[in-house]
């Protein structure tokens, strides 16, 4: 009897030791870190926005925008523009219709119904105008600034690779173009006569 009891006791001890060794105990901070270290897919995030949110994205009519910033640049940008931190650069989403008057190396020039002109950027697509103007992402929601900045990089890549080329293949002087896009206005140097809109939507009215 004592032999069986000793045998069972030894087996139980062995099982407990084996079970203890199979459990990895990690500090709580390490566990939290591992949960937060999931790889952020900025490309997928940007593609989802372009595919599903651009059409319904609220935008200001470009003629109204130009009129407002010419009358009260500081007041209008402060009230309606979106910026990151304390920057002097304010971002907006604009829409409108214009007629192609010229096709330059870096942009397409459109004449609006009020006879003013704007540029649709077709080259050197960079910056944070889309991300910040649309308010699609909040820096506080991201673990690091690299993830946050990568959103702008991928948005600009999609515009450069997927939105501009089909338009440029068809566009010509005299075409009427429907557009929606993002623009940045620096209140210290607004240059309202040569604003470049980064396009999110370009459609030739045929």
N, C-alpha and C. Protein backbone atom coordinates (compact mmCIF):
# COMPACT_ATOMS: atom_id res chain seq x y z
N UNK A 1 0.84 -1.20 0.00
CA UNK A 1 0.00 0.00 0.00
C UNK A 1 0.87 1.24 0.00
N UNK A 2 1.86 1.23 0.93
CA UNK A 2 2.75 2.38 0.99
C UNK A 2 3.54 2.54 -0.30
N UNK A 3 3.85 1.40 -0.93
CA UNK A 3 4.59 1.45 -2.19
C UNK A 3 3.78 2.14 -3.27
N UNK A 4 2.46 1.80 -3.37
CA UNK A 4 1.59 2.41 -4.37
C UNK A 4 1.44 3.90 -4.12
N UNK A 5 1.28 4.27 -2.82
CA UNK A 5 1.11 5.68 -2.47
C UNK A 5 2.35 6.49 -2.85
N UNK A 6 3.52 5.90 -2.58
CA UNK A 6 4.76 6.59 -2.93
C UNK A 6 4.89 6.73 -4.45
N UNK A 7 4.48 5.68 -5.15
CA UNK A 7 4.55 5.69 -6.62
C UNK A 7 3.66 6.79 -7.19
N UNK A 8 2.41 6.86 -6.69
CA UNK A 8 1.47 7.87 -7.18
C UNK A 8 1.95 9.27 -6.83
N UNK A 9 2.57 9.42 -5.67
CA UNK A 9 3.07 10.73 -5.26
C UNK A 9 4.18 11.20 -6.18
N UNK A 10 5.06 10.25 -6.52
CA UNK A 10 6.16 10.59 -7.43
C UNK A 10 5.64 10.98 -8.81
N UNK A 11 4.65 10.24 -9.30
CA UNK A 11 4.05 10.54 -10.62
C UNK A 11 3.41 11.92 -10.61
N UNK A 12 2.68 12.19 -9.51
CA UNK A 12 2.01 13.50 -9.40
C UNK A 12 3.02 14.64 -9.41
N UNK A 13 4.13 14.47 -8.70
CA UNK A 13 5.17 15.50 -8.65
C UNK A 13 5.78 15.71 -10.03
N UNK A 14 6.01 14.62 -10.74
CA UNK A 14 6.59 14.71 -12.10
C UNK A 14 5.66 15.49 -13.03
N UNK A 15 4.33 15.18 -12.94
CA UNK A 15 3.35 15.86 -13.79
C UNK A 15 3.32 17.36 -13.48
N UNK A 16 3.37 17.70 -12.19
CA UNK A 16 3.33 19.11 -11.80
C UNK A 16 4.56 19.85 -12.29
N UNK A 17 5.73 19.19 -12.17
CA UNK A 17 6.96 19.82 -12.64
C UNK A 17 6.92 20.04 -14.15
N UNK A 18 6.44 19.02 -14.88
CA UNK A 18 6.36 19.13 -16.34
C UNK A 18 5.39 20.23 -16.74
N UNK A 19 4.26 20.32 -16.04
CA UNK A 19 3.27 21.35 -16.34
C UNK A 19 3.82 22.73 -16.07
N UNK A 20 4.57 22.89 -14.97
CA UNK A 20 5.14 24.19 -14.63
C UNK A 20 6.12 24.65 -15.69
N UNK A 21 6.96 23.69 -16.15
CA UNK A 21 7.97 24.03 -17.14
C UNK A 21 7.37 24.36 -18.50
N UNK A 22 6.16 23.89 -18.76
CA UNK A 22 5.54 24.14 -20.07
C UNK A 22 4.83 25.48 -20.12
N UNK A 23 4.68 26.14 -18.99
CA UNK A 23 4.00 27.44 -18.94
C UNK A 23 5.03 28.55 -18.94
N UNK A 24 4.91 29.47 -19.89
CA UNK A 24 5.83 30.60 -19.96
C UNK A 24 5.18 31.79 -19.29
N UNK A 25 5.81 32.30 -18.28
CA UNK A 25 5.29 33.45 -17.56
C UNK A 25 5.99 34.71 -18.06
N UNK A 26 5.20 35.67 -18.59
CA UNK A 26 5.78 36.90 -19.11
C UNK A 26 5.27 38.08 -18.33
N UNK A 27 6.09 39.09 -18.13
CA UNK A 27 5.63 40.30 -17.47
C UNK A 27 4.47 40.92 -18.24
N UNK A 28 3.56 41.59 -17.53
CA UNK A 28 2.37 42.17 -18.15
C UNK A 28 2.74 43.17 -19.24
N UNK A 29 3.79 43.96 -19.03
CA UNK A 29 4.20 44.95 -20.03
C UNK A 29 4.59 44.29 -21.34
N UNK A 30 5.24 43.11 -21.24
CA UNK A 30 5.63 42.40 -22.46
C UNK A 30 4.42 41.87 -23.19
N UNK A 31 3.44 41.42 -22.45
CA UNK A 31 2.21 40.92 -23.07
C UNK A 31 1.49 42.04 -23.80
N UNK A 32 1.38 43.18 -23.14
CA UNK A 32 0.71 44.32 -23.78
C UNK A 32 1.45 44.75 -25.03
N UNK A 33 2.79 44.74 -24.93
CA UNK A 33 3.59 45.15 -26.09
C UNK A 33 3.37 44.22 -27.26
N UNK A 34 3.31 42.92 -26.99
CA UNK A 34 3.11 41.96 -28.08
C UNK A 34 1.76 42.15 -28.74
N UNK A 35 0.75 42.53 -27.95
CA UNK A 35 -0.58 42.75 -28.51
C UNK A 35 -0.62 43.99 -29.39
N UNK A 36 0.25 44.97 -29.06
CA UNK A 36 0.25 46.22 -29.81
C UNK A 36 1.20 46.22 -31.00
N UNK A 37 1.97 45.13 -31.13
CA UNK A 37 2.99 45.09 -32.17
C UNK A 37 2.49 44.47 -33.48
N UNK A 38 1.18 44.32 -33.63
CA UNK A 38 0.65 43.81 -34.89
C UNK A 38 1.03 44.75 -36.03
N UNK A 39 1.42 44.21 -37.17
CA UNK A 39 1.89 45.03 -38.29
C UNK A 39 0.72 45.80 -38.89
N UNK A 40 0.88 47.11 -39.00
CA UNK A 40 -0.14 47.98 -39.59
C UNK A 40 0.03 47.99 -41.10
N UNK A 41 -1.04 47.68 -41.82
CA UNK A 41 -1.01 47.63 -43.27
C UNK A 41 -1.54 48.95 -43.82
N UNK A 42 -0.64 49.89 -44.02
CA UNK A 42 -1.03 51.22 -44.48
C UNK A 42 -1.61 51.19 -45.89
N UNK A 43 -1.09 50.31 -46.73
CA UNK A 43 -1.59 50.23 -48.11
C UNK A 43 -3.05 49.79 -48.13
N UNK A 44 -3.37 48.77 -47.37
CA UNK A 44 -4.76 48.29 -47.32
C UNK A 44 -5.68 49.35 -46.75
N UNK A 45 -5.20 50.06 -45.74
CA UNK A 45 -5.99 51.11 -45.12
C UNK A 45 -6.28 52.23 -46.13
N UNK A 46 -5.25 52.63 -46.88
CA UNK A 46 -5.40 53.68 -47.87
C UNK A 46 -6.30 53.24 -49.02
N UNK A 47 -6.15 52.01 -49.47
CA UNK A 47 -6.98 51.51 -50.57
C UNK A 47 -8.44 51.43 -50.17
N UNK A 48 -8.70 51.04 -48.94
CA UNK A 48 -10.07 50.98 -48.46
C UNK A 48 -10.70 52.37 -48.46
N UNK A 49 -9.93 53.37 -48.05
CA UNK A 49 -10.43 54.75 -48.04
C UNK A 49 -10.72 55.22 -49.45
N UNK A 50 -9.80 55.02 -50.37
CA UNK A 50 -9.98 55.47 -51.75
C UNK A 50 -11.17 54.77 -52.40
N UNK A 51 -11.34 53.49 -52.13
CA UNK A 51 -12.38 52.71 -52.78
C UNK A 51 -13.77 52.98 -52.21
N UNK A 52 -13.84 53.22 -50.91
CA UNK A 52 -15.15 53.25 -50.25
C UNK A 52 -15.59 54.60 -49.69
N UNK A 53 -14.66 55.52 -49.49
CA UNK A 53 -15.02 56.75 -48.78
C UNK A 53 -14.95 58.03 -49.59
N UNK A 54 -14.27 58.01 -50.72
CA UNK A 54 -14.05 59.25 -51.47
C UNK A 54 -15.36 59.85 -52.00
N UNK A 55 -16.22 59.02 -52.55
CA UNK A 55 -17.46 59.53 -53.15
C UNK A 55 -18.31 60.29 -52.14
N UNK A 56 -18.40 59.78 -50.92
CA UNK A 56 -19.24 60.40 -49.89
C UNK A 56 -18.49 61.40 -49.03
N UNK A 57 -17.21 61.59 -49.28
CA UNK A 57 -16.40 62.49 -48.47
C UNK A 57 -16.89 63.93 -48.62
N UNK A 58 -17.23 64.60 -47.51
CA UNK A 58 -17.69 66.00 -47.60
C UNK A 58 -16.62 66.89 -48.22
N UNK A 59 -17.05 67.80 -49.09
CA UNK A 59 -16.10 68.68 -49.78
C UNK A 59 -16.72 70.06 -49.98
N UNK A 60 -15.88 71.05 -50.04
CA UNK A 60 -16.30 72.43 -50.29
C UNK A 60 -16.19 72.73 -51.77
N UNK A 61 -17.18 73.44 -52.30
CA UNK A 61 -17.11 73.84 -53.71
C UNK A 61 -15.91 74.76 -53.90
N UNK A 62 -15.14 74.51 -54.93
CA UNK A 62 -13.88 75.22 -55.13
C UNK A 62 -14.10 76.71 -55.34
N UNK A 63 -15.17 77.11 -56.02
CA UNK A 63 -15.42 78.53 -56.25
C UNK A 63 -15.72 79.25 -54.94
N UNK A 64 -16.47 78.61 -54.07
CA UNK A 64 -16.76 79.18 -52.76
C UNK A 64 -15.48 79.28 -51.94
N UNK A 65 -14.67 78.25 -51.99
CA UNK A 65 -13.42 78.22 -51.26
C UNK A 65 -12.51 79.37 -51.67
N UNK A 66 -12.34 79.57 -52.97
CA UNK A 66 -11.46 80.63 -53.45
C UNK A 66 -11.98 82.00 -53.06
N UNK A 67 -13.29 82.16 -53.10
CA UNK A 67 -13.89 83.43 -52.70
C UNK A 67 -13.65 83.71 -51.22
N UNK A 68 -13.83 82.68 -50.40
CA UNK A 68 -13.70 82.85 -48.95
C UNK A 68 -12.26 83.15 -48.54
N UNK A 69 -11.30 82.46 -49.11
CA UNK A 69 -9.92 82.70 -48.68
C UNK A 69 -9.40 84.04 -49.20
N UNK A 70 -9.99 84.55 -50.29
CA UNK A 70 -9.58 85.86 -50.77
C UNK A 70 -10.14 86.97 -49.89
N UNK A 71 -11.29 86.71 -49.26
CA UNK A 71 -11.91 87.71 -48.39
C UNK A 71 -11.37 87.67 -46.97
N UNK A 72 -11.17 86.49 -46.43
CA UNK A 72 -10.74 86.35 -45.03
C UNK A 72 -9.92 85.07 -44.87
N UNK A 73 -8.70 85.14 -45.31
CA UNK A 73 -7.84 83.96 -45.31
C UNK A 73 -7.67 83.37 -43.91
N UNK A 74 -7.26 84.19 -42.97
CA UNK A 74 -6.98 83.69 -41.62
C UNK A 74 -8.23 83.16 -40.93
N UNK A 75 -9.32 83.91 -41.03
CA UNK A 75 -10.55 83.49 -40.36
C UNK A 75 -11.13 82.23 -40.96
N UNK A 76 -11.12 82.13 -42.28
CA UNK A 76 -11.72 80.97 -42.95
C UNK A 76 -10.89 79.71 -42.71
N UNK A 77 -9.59 79.82 -42.85
CA UNK A 77 -8.76 78.64 -42.64
C UNK A 77 -8.82 78.16 -41.19
N UNK A 78 -8.84 79.09 -40.26
CA UNK A 78 -8.91 78.72 -38.86
C UNK A 78 -10.21 78.02 -38.53
N UNK A 79 -11.31 78.46 -39.15
CA UNK A 79 -12.62 77.88 -38.85
C UNK A 79 -12.87 76.56 -39.57
N UNK A 80 -12.45 76.48 -40.81
CA UNK A 80 -12.83 75.32 -41.62
C UNK A 80 -11.67 74.40 -42.01
N UNK A 81 -10.45 74.88 -41.93
CA UNK A 81 -9.32 74.05 -42.33
C UNK A 81 -8.95 73.03 -41.27
N UNK A 82 -8.21 72.05 -41.69
CA UNK A 82 -7.71 71.01 -40.77
C UNK A 82 -6.19 71.02 -40.83
N UNK A 83 -5.58 70.99 -39.68
CA UNK A 83 -4.13 71.01 -39.62
C UNK A 83 -3.64 70.09 -38.52
N UNK A 84 -2.37 69.76 -38.59
CA UNK A 84 -1.75 68.89 -37.60
C UNK A 84 -0.91 69.76 -36.68
N UNK A 85 -1.22 69.75 -35.40
CA UNK A 85 -0.46 70.54 -34.44
C UNK A 85 -0.67 72.02 -34.62
N UNK A 86 0.43 72.78 -34.58
CA UNK A 86 0.34 74.24 -34.69
C UNK A 86 0.88 74.72 -36.03
N UNK A 87 0.81 73.89 -37.03
CA UNK A 87 1.31 74.24 -38.35
C UNK A 87 0.55 75.42 -38.95
N UNK A 88 1.21 76.15 -39.85
CA UNK A 88 0.56 77.22 -40.60
C UNK A 88 -0.16 76.68 -41.83
N UNK A 89 -0.03 75.39 -42.10
CA UNK A 89 -0.63 74.77 -43.27
C UNK A 89 -1.98 74.15 -42.92
N UNK A 90 -3.02 74.59 -43.61
CA UNK A 90 -4.38 74.09 -43.40
C UNK A 90 -4.80 73.27 -44.62
N UNK A 91 -5.51 72.20 -44.37
CA UNK A 91 -5.89 71.28 -45.45
C UNK A 91 -7.40 71.25 -45.64
N UNK A 92 -7.80 71.13 -46.91
CA UNK A 92 -9.21 71.13 -47.27
C UNK A 92 -9.48 70.06 -48.33
N UNK A 93 -10.72 69.60 -48.36
CA UNK A 93 -11.19 68.75 -49.45
C UNK A 93 -12.11 69.62 -50.32
N UNK A 94 -11.78 69.72 -51.60
CA UNK A 94 -12.52 70.57 -52.53
C UNK A 94 -13.11 69.74 -53.66
N UNK A 95 -14.17 70.27 -54.24
CA UNK A 95 -14.74 69.64 -55.43
C UNK A 95 -15.24 70.73 -56.37
N UNK A 96 -15.41 70.36 -57.63
CA UNK A 96 -15.90 71.33 -58.59
C UNK A 96 -15.79 70.82 -60.00
N UNK A 97 -16.06 71.71 -60.93
CA UNK A 97 -15.98 71.40 -62.36
C UNK A 97 -15.20 72.51 -63.05
N UNK A 98 -14.33 72.11 -63.95
CA UNK A 98 -13.56 73.10 -64.71
C UNK A 98 -13.23 72.59 -66.09
N UNK A 99 -12.78 73.50 -66.93
CA UNK A 99 -12.41 73.15 -68.31
C UNK A 99 -10.90 73.18 -68.46
N UNK A 100 -10.36 72.14 -69.05
CA UNK A 100 -8.91 72.05 -69.24
C UNK A 100 -8.46 73.15 -70.20
N UNK A 101 -7.60 74.02 -69.70
CA UNK A 101 -7.08 75.10 -70.54
C UNK A 101 -5.65 74.83 -71.00
N UNK A 102 -4.93 74.03 -70.23
CA UNK A 102 -3.57 73.65 -70.63
C UNK A 102 -3.15 72.42 -69.84
N UNK A 103 -2.20 71.70 -70.40
CA UNK A 103 -1.67 70.51 -69.75
C UNK A 103 -0.16 70.69 -69.62
N UNK A 104 0.25 70.99 -68.41
CA UNK A 104 1.64 71.29 -68.14
C UNK A 104 2.37 70.03 -67.67
N UNK A 105 3.66 70.19 -67.42
CA UNK A 105 4.48 69.04 -67.04
C UNK A 105 4.08 68.47 -65.68
N UNK A 106 3.69 69.35 -64.75
CA UNK A 106 3.41 68.91 -63.39
C UNK A 106 1.95 69.01 -62.99
N UNK A 107 1.13 69.58 -63.86
CA UNK A 107 -0.28 69.76 -63.51
C UNK A 107 -1.13 70.01 -64.75
N UNK A 108 -2.43 69.86 -64.55
CA UNK A 108 -3.42 70.23 -65.57
C UNK A 108 -4.13 71.48 -65.06
N UNK A 109 -4.18 72.50 -65.89
CA UNK A 109 -4.81 73.75 -65.50
C UNK A 109 -6.30 73.73 -65.89
N UNK A 110 -7.16 74.06 -64.91
CA UNK A 110 -8.60 74.11 -65.16
C UNK A 110 -9.12 75.53 -64.97
N UNK A 111 -9.96 75.97 -65.90
CA UNK A 111 -10.66 77.25 -65.76
C UNK A 111 -12.04 76.96 -65.17
N UNK A 112 -12.35 77.64 -64.08
CA UNK A 112 -13.62 77.43 -63.40
C UNK A 112 -14.69 78.34 -63.98
N UNK A 113 -15.92 78.14 -63.50
CA UNK A 113 -17.03 78.92 -64.02
C UNK A 113 -16.93 80.40 -63.67
N UNK A 114 -16.18 80.73 -62.63
CA UNK A 114 -15.99 82.13 -62.27
C UNK A 114 -14.75 82.73 -62.93
N UNK A 115 -14.21 82.01 -63.91
CA UNK A 115 -13.05 82.42 -64.70
C UNK A 115 -11.73 82.33 -63.93
N UNK A 116 -11.76 81.92 -62.69
CA UNK A 116 -10.51 81.68 -61.98
C UNK A 116 -9.98 80.31 -62.37
N UNK A 117 -8.72 80.07 -62.05
CA UNK A 117 -8.11 78.80 -62.45
C UNK A 117 -7.51 78.09 -61.24
N UNK A 118 -7.45 76.79 -61.36
CA UNK A 118 -6.78 75.97 -60.35
C UNK A 118 -5.96 74.90 -61.09
N UNK A 119 -5.02 74.33 -60.37
CA UNK A 119 -4.18 73.28 -60.94
C UNK A 119 -4.53 71.94 -60.32
N UNK A 120 -4.66 70.93 -61.17
CA UNK A 120 -4.77 69.55 -60.70
C UNK A 120 -3.38 68.93 -60.79
N UNK A 121 -2.82 68.59 -59.65
CA UNK A 121 -1.46 68.03 -59.64
C UNK A 121 -1.43 66.68 -60.34
N UNK A 122 -0.45 66.52 -61.21
CA UNK A 122 -0.28 65.25 -61.91
C UNK A 122 1.12 64.67 -61.72
N UNK A 123 1.96 65.39 -61.01
CA UNK A 123 3.31 64.92 -60.73
C UNK A 123 3.73 65.49 -59.37
N UNK A 124 4.77 64.93 -58.80
CA UNK A 124 5.24 65.37 -57.47
C UNK A 124 4.10 65.34 -56.45
N UNK A 125 3.46 64.19 -56.36
CA UNK A 125 2.37 64.01 -55.41
C UNK A 125 2.97 63.63 -54.06
N UNK A 126 2.90 64.52 -53.11
CA UNK A 126 3.48 64.25 -51.80
C UNK A 126 2.75 65.10 -50.75
N UNK A 127 3.13 64.91 -49.49
CA UNK A 127 2.52 65.68 -48.41
C UNK A 127 1.37 64.95 -47.74
N UNK A 128 0.70 65.65 -46.83
CA UNK A 128 -0.35 65.05 -45.99
C UNK A 128 -1.74 65.63 -46.25
N UNK A 129 -1.91 66.28 -47.40
CA UNK A 129 -3.18 66.97 -47.66
C UNK A 129 -4.37 66.03 -47.62
N UNK A 130 -4.25 64.85 -48.20
CA UNK A 130 -5.39 63.93 -48.24
C UNK A 130 -5.70 63.41 -46.84
N UNK A 131 -4.68 62.91 -46.17
CA UNK A 131 -4.88 62.35 -44.84
C UNK A 131 -5.46 63.37 -43.87
N UNK A 132 -4.87 64.56 -43.85
CA UNK A 132 -5.29 65.55 -42.87
C UNK A 132 -6.55 66.29 -43.30
N UNK A 133 -6.68 66.57 -44.60
CA UNK A 133 -7.87 67.27 -45.08
C UNK A 133 -9.14 66.46 -44.91
N UNK A 134 -9.04 65.15 -45.05
CA UNK A 134 -10.19 64.26 -44.92
C UNK A 134 -10.46 63.87 -43.47
N UNK A 135 -9.48 64.11 -42.60
CA UNK A 135 -9.58 63.70 -41.18
C UNK A 135 -9.84 62.19 -41.07
N UNK A 136 -9.26 61.43 -41.97
CA UNK A 136 -9.48 59.99 -42.00
C UNK A 136 -8.70 59.26 -40.91
N UNK A 137 -7.69 59.93 -40.34
CA UNK A 137 -6.85 59.28 -39.34
C UNK A 137 -6.46 60.28 -38.27
N UNK A 138 -6.41 59.80 -37.05
CA UNK A 138 -6.01 60.61 -35.91
C UNK A 138 -4.69 60.08 -35.36
N UNK A 139 -3.71 60.94 -35.24
CA UNK A 139 -2.38 60.50 -34.80
C UNK A 139 -2.43 59.80 -33.45
N UNK A 140 -3.39 60.15 -32.61
CA UNK A 140 -3.50 59.53 -31.31
C UNK A 140 -3.91 58.07 -31.35
N UNK A 141 -4.39 57.60 -32.51
CA UNK A 141 -4.83 56.21 -32.63
C UNK A 141 -3.70 55.27 -33.03
N UNK A 142 -2.49 55.79 -33.22
CA UNK A 142 -1.41 54.96 -33.74
C UNK A 142 -0.27 54.84 -32.73
N UNK A 143 0.33 53.67 -32.72
CA UNK A 143 1.39 53.37 -31.77
C UNK A 143 2.66 54.18 -32.03
N UNK A 144 2.88 54.54 -33.29
CA UNK A 144 4.08 55.31 -33.61
C UNK A 144 3.80 56.20 -34.81
N UNK A 145 4.61 57.23 -34.96
CA UNK A 145 4.40 58.19 -36.05
C UNK A 145 4.71 57.57 -37.41
N UNK A 146 5.52 56.51 -37.43
CA UNK A 146 5.82 55.87 -38.71
C UNK A 146 4.56 55.31 -39.36
N UNK A 147 3.72 54.65 -38.55
CA UNK A 147 2.46 54.13 -39.08
C UNK A 147 1.58 55.27 -39.58
N UNK A 148 1.49 56.33 -38.81
CA UNK A 148 0.66 57.47 -39.18
C UNK A 148 1.15 58.11 -40.47
N UNK A 149 2.44 58.30 -40.60
CA UNK A 149 3.00 58.91 -41.80
C UNK A 149 2.90 58.00 -43.01
N UNK A 150 2.93 56.70 -42.78
CA UNK A 150 2.85 55.77 -43.91
C UNK A 150 1.49 55.83 -44.59
N UNK A 151 0.47 56.29 -43.89
CA UNK A 151 -0.85 56.45 -44.51
C UNK A 151 -0.76 57.46 -45.65
N UNK A 152 -0.13 58.61 -45.40
CA UNK A 152 0.02 59.62 -46.44
C UNK A 152 0.84 59.10 -47.61
N UNK A 153 1.89 58.37 -47.31
CA UNK A 153 2.73 57.82 -48.37
C UNK A 153 1.92 56.93 -49.30
N UNK A 154 1.11 56.04 -48.73
CA UNK A 154 0.33 55.11 -49.54
C UNK A 154 -0.81 55.80 -50.27
N UNK A 155 -1.44 56.78 -49.63
CA UNK A 155 -2.48 57.55 -50.32
C UNK A 155 -1.90 58.23 -51.56
N UNK A 156 -0.76 58.87 -51.40
CA UNK A 156 -0.12 59.54 -52.52
C UNK A 156 0.31 58.56 -53.60
N UNK A 157 0.77 57.37 -53.19
CA UNK A 157 1.14 56.35 -54.17
C UNK A 157 -0.06 55.91 -55.00
N UNK A 158 -1.20 55.73 -54.36
CA UNK A 158 -2.40 55.31 -55.08
C UNK A 158 -2.84 56.38 -56.06
N UNK A 159 -2.79 57.64 -55.64
CA UNK A 159 -3.15 58.74 -56.55
C UNK A 159 -2.21 58.73 -57.76
N UNK A 160 -0.93 58.58 -57.49
CA UNK A 160 0.08 58.60 -58.56
C UNK A 160 -0.04 57.41 -59.50
N UNK A 161 -0.39 56.25 -58.95
CA UNK A 161 -0.39 55.01 -59.74
C UNK A 161 -1.75 54.68 -60.36
N UNK A 162 -2.84 55.05 -59.68
CA UNK A 162 -4.15 54.55 -60.10
C UNK A 162 -5.15 55.63 -60.52
N UNK A 163 -4.99 56.84 -60.04
CA UNK A 163 -5.98 57.87 -60.34
C UNK A 163 -5.53 58.78 -61.49
N UNK A 164 -4.28 59.20 -61.45
CA UNK A 164 -3.80 60.13 -62.47
C UNK A 164 -3.59 59.49 -63.85
N UNK A 165 -2.94 58.31 -63.97
CA UNK A 165 -2.66 57.77 -65.30
C UNK A 165 -3.87 57.58 -66.20
N UNK A 166 -4.99 57.00 -65.75
CA UNK A 166 -6.14 56.85 -66.66
C UNK A 166 -6.68 58.20 -67.14
N UNK A 167 -6.65 59.19 -66.26
CA UNK A 167 -7.12 60.53 -66.63
C UNK A 167 -6.21 61.14 -67.69
N UNK A 168 -4.91 61.03 -67.49
CA UNK A 168 -3.96 61.66 -68.41
C UNK A 168 -3.99 61.01 -69.79
N UNK A 169 -4.37 59.76 -69.87
CA UNK A 169 -4.45 59.09 -71.17
C UNK A 169 -5.58 59.66 -72.03
N UNK A 170 -6.62 60.18 -71.37
CA UNK A 170 -7.80 60.64 -72.10
C UNK A 170 -7.93 62.16 -72.16
N UNK A 171 -7.42 62.86 -71.17
CA UNK A 171 -7.66 64.29 -71.05
C UNK A 171 -7.01 65.10 -72.17
N UNK A 172 -7.71 66.16 -72.56
CA UNK A 172 -7.17 67.07 -73.58
C UNK A 172 -7.74 68.46 -73.33
N UNK A 173 -7.11 69.44 -73.91
CA UNK A 173 -7.57 70.82 -73.77
C UNK A 173 -9.02 70.92 -74.28
N UNK A 174 -9.85 71.59 -73.49
CA UNK A 174 -11.26 71.75 -73.84
C UNK A 174 -12.18 70.80 -73.12
N UNK A 175 -11.64 69.75 -72.51
CA UNK A 175 -12.47 68.80 -71.77
C UNK A 175 -13.02 69.45 -70.49
N UNK A 176 -14.26 69.10 -70.19
CA UNK A 176 -14.84 69.51 -68.91
C UNK A 176 -14.58 68.41 -67.90
N UNK A 177 -14.03 68.77 -66.75
CA UNK A 177 -13.57 67.79 -65.77
C UNK A 177 -14.27 68.00 -64.43
N UNK A 178 -14.82 66.93 -63.91
CA UNK A 178 -15.36 66.91 -62.56
C UNK A 178 -14.28 66.38 -61.65
N UNK A 179 -14.02 67.06 -60.55
CA UNK A 179 -12.92 66.64 -59.68
C UNK A 179 -13.29 66.77 -58.20
N UNK A 180 -12.60 65.99 -57.41
CA UNK A 180 -12.60 66.12 -55.95
C UNK A 180 -11.19 65.82 -55.50
N UNK A 181 -10.69 66.63 -54.57
CA UNK A 181 -9.32 66.41 -54.14
C UNK A 181 -8.97 67.22 -52.92
N UNK A 182 -7.71 67.11 -52.52
CA UNK A 182 -7.21 67.76 -51.31
C UNK A 182 -6.23 68.86 -51.67
N UNK A 183 -6.25 69.92 -50.87
CA UNK A 183 -5.34 71.03 -51.10
C UNK A 183 -4.83 71.54 -49.76
N UNK A 184 -3.61 72.03 -49.77
CA UNK A 184 -3.00 72.62 -48.59
C UNK A 184 -2.80 74.11 -48.82
N UNK A 185 -3.20 74.90 -47.84
CA UNK A 185 -3.01 76.35 -47.92
C UNK A 185 -2.13 76.78 -46.75
N UNK A 186 -1.01 77.38 -47.08
CA UNK A 186 -0.11 77.93 -46.06
C UNK A 186 -0.48 79.39 -45.87
N UNK A 187 -0.97 79.73 -44.69
CA UNK A 187 -1.47 81.10 -44.47
C UNK A 187 -0.35 82.13 -44.53
N UNK A 188 0.91 81.70 -44.41
CA UNK A 188 2.02 82.64 -44.53
C UNK A 188 2.38 82.90 -45.98
N UNK A 189 1.91 82.05 -46.88
CA UNK A 189 2.18 82.20 -48.32
C UNK A 189 1.10 81.46 -49.09
N UNK A 190 -0.12 82.00 -49.13
CA UNK A 190 -1.27 81.24 -49.66
C UNK A 190 -1.22 80.91 -51.14
N UNK A 191 -0.69 81.81 -51.99
CA UNK A 191 -0.59 81.56 -53.44
C UNK A 191 -1.91 81.00 -54.00
N UNK A 192 -2.99 81.70 -53.72
CA UNK A 192 -4.32 81.21 -54.12
C UNK A 192 -4.50 81.12 -55.63
N UNK A 193 -3.66 81.82 -56.38
CA UNK A 193 -3.78 81.77 -57.84
C UNK A 193 -3.09 80.56 -58.45
N UNK A 194 -2.37 79.81 -57.64
CA UNK A 194 -1.66 78.65 -58.19
C UNK A 194 -1.75 77.44 -57.26
N UNK A 195 -2.89 77.29 -56.60
CA UNK A 195 -3.08 76.15 -55.71
C UNK A 195 -3.11 74.85 -56.52
N UNK A 196 -2.45 73.83 -56.00
CA UNK A 196 -2.46 72.52 -56.66
C UNK A 196 -3.30 71.56 -55.84
N UNK A 197 -4.31 71.03 -56.48
CA UNK A 197 -5.19 70.06 -55.83
C UNK A 197 -4.71 68.65 -56.12
N UNK A 198 -4.51 67.87 -55.07
CA UNK A 198 -4.16 66.46 -55.25
C UNK A 198 -5.45 65.70 -55.48
N UNK A 199 -5.64 65.10 -56.64
CA UNK A 199 -6.95 64.53 -56.99
C UNK A 199 -7.25 63.20 -56.31
N UNK A 200 -8.46 63.09 -55.86
CA UNK A 200 -8.99 61.82 -55.37
C UNK A 200 -9.99 61.25 -56.36
N UNK A 201 -10.55 62.13 -57.15
CA UNK A 201 -11.53 61.73 -58.16
C UNK A 201 -11.37 62.65 -59.35
N UNK A 202 -11.27 62.09 -60.55
CA UNK A 202 -11.18 62.85 -61.80
C UNK A 202 -12.09 62.19 -62.83
N UNK A 203 -13.03 62.96 -63.35
CA UNK A 203 -13.96 62.41 -64.33
C UNK A 203 -14.15 63.40 -65.46
N UNK A 204 -13.94 62.93 -66.67
CA UNK A 204 -14.17 63.77 -67.86
C UNK A 204 -15.63 63.64 -68.27
N UNK A 205 -16.31 64.79 -68.32
CA UNK A 205 -17.71 64.80 -68.76
C UNK A 205 -17.75 64.70 -70.28
N UNK A 206 -18.31 63.59 -70.75
CA UNK A 206 -18.33 63.36 -72.21
C UNK A 206 -19.76 63.44 -72.75
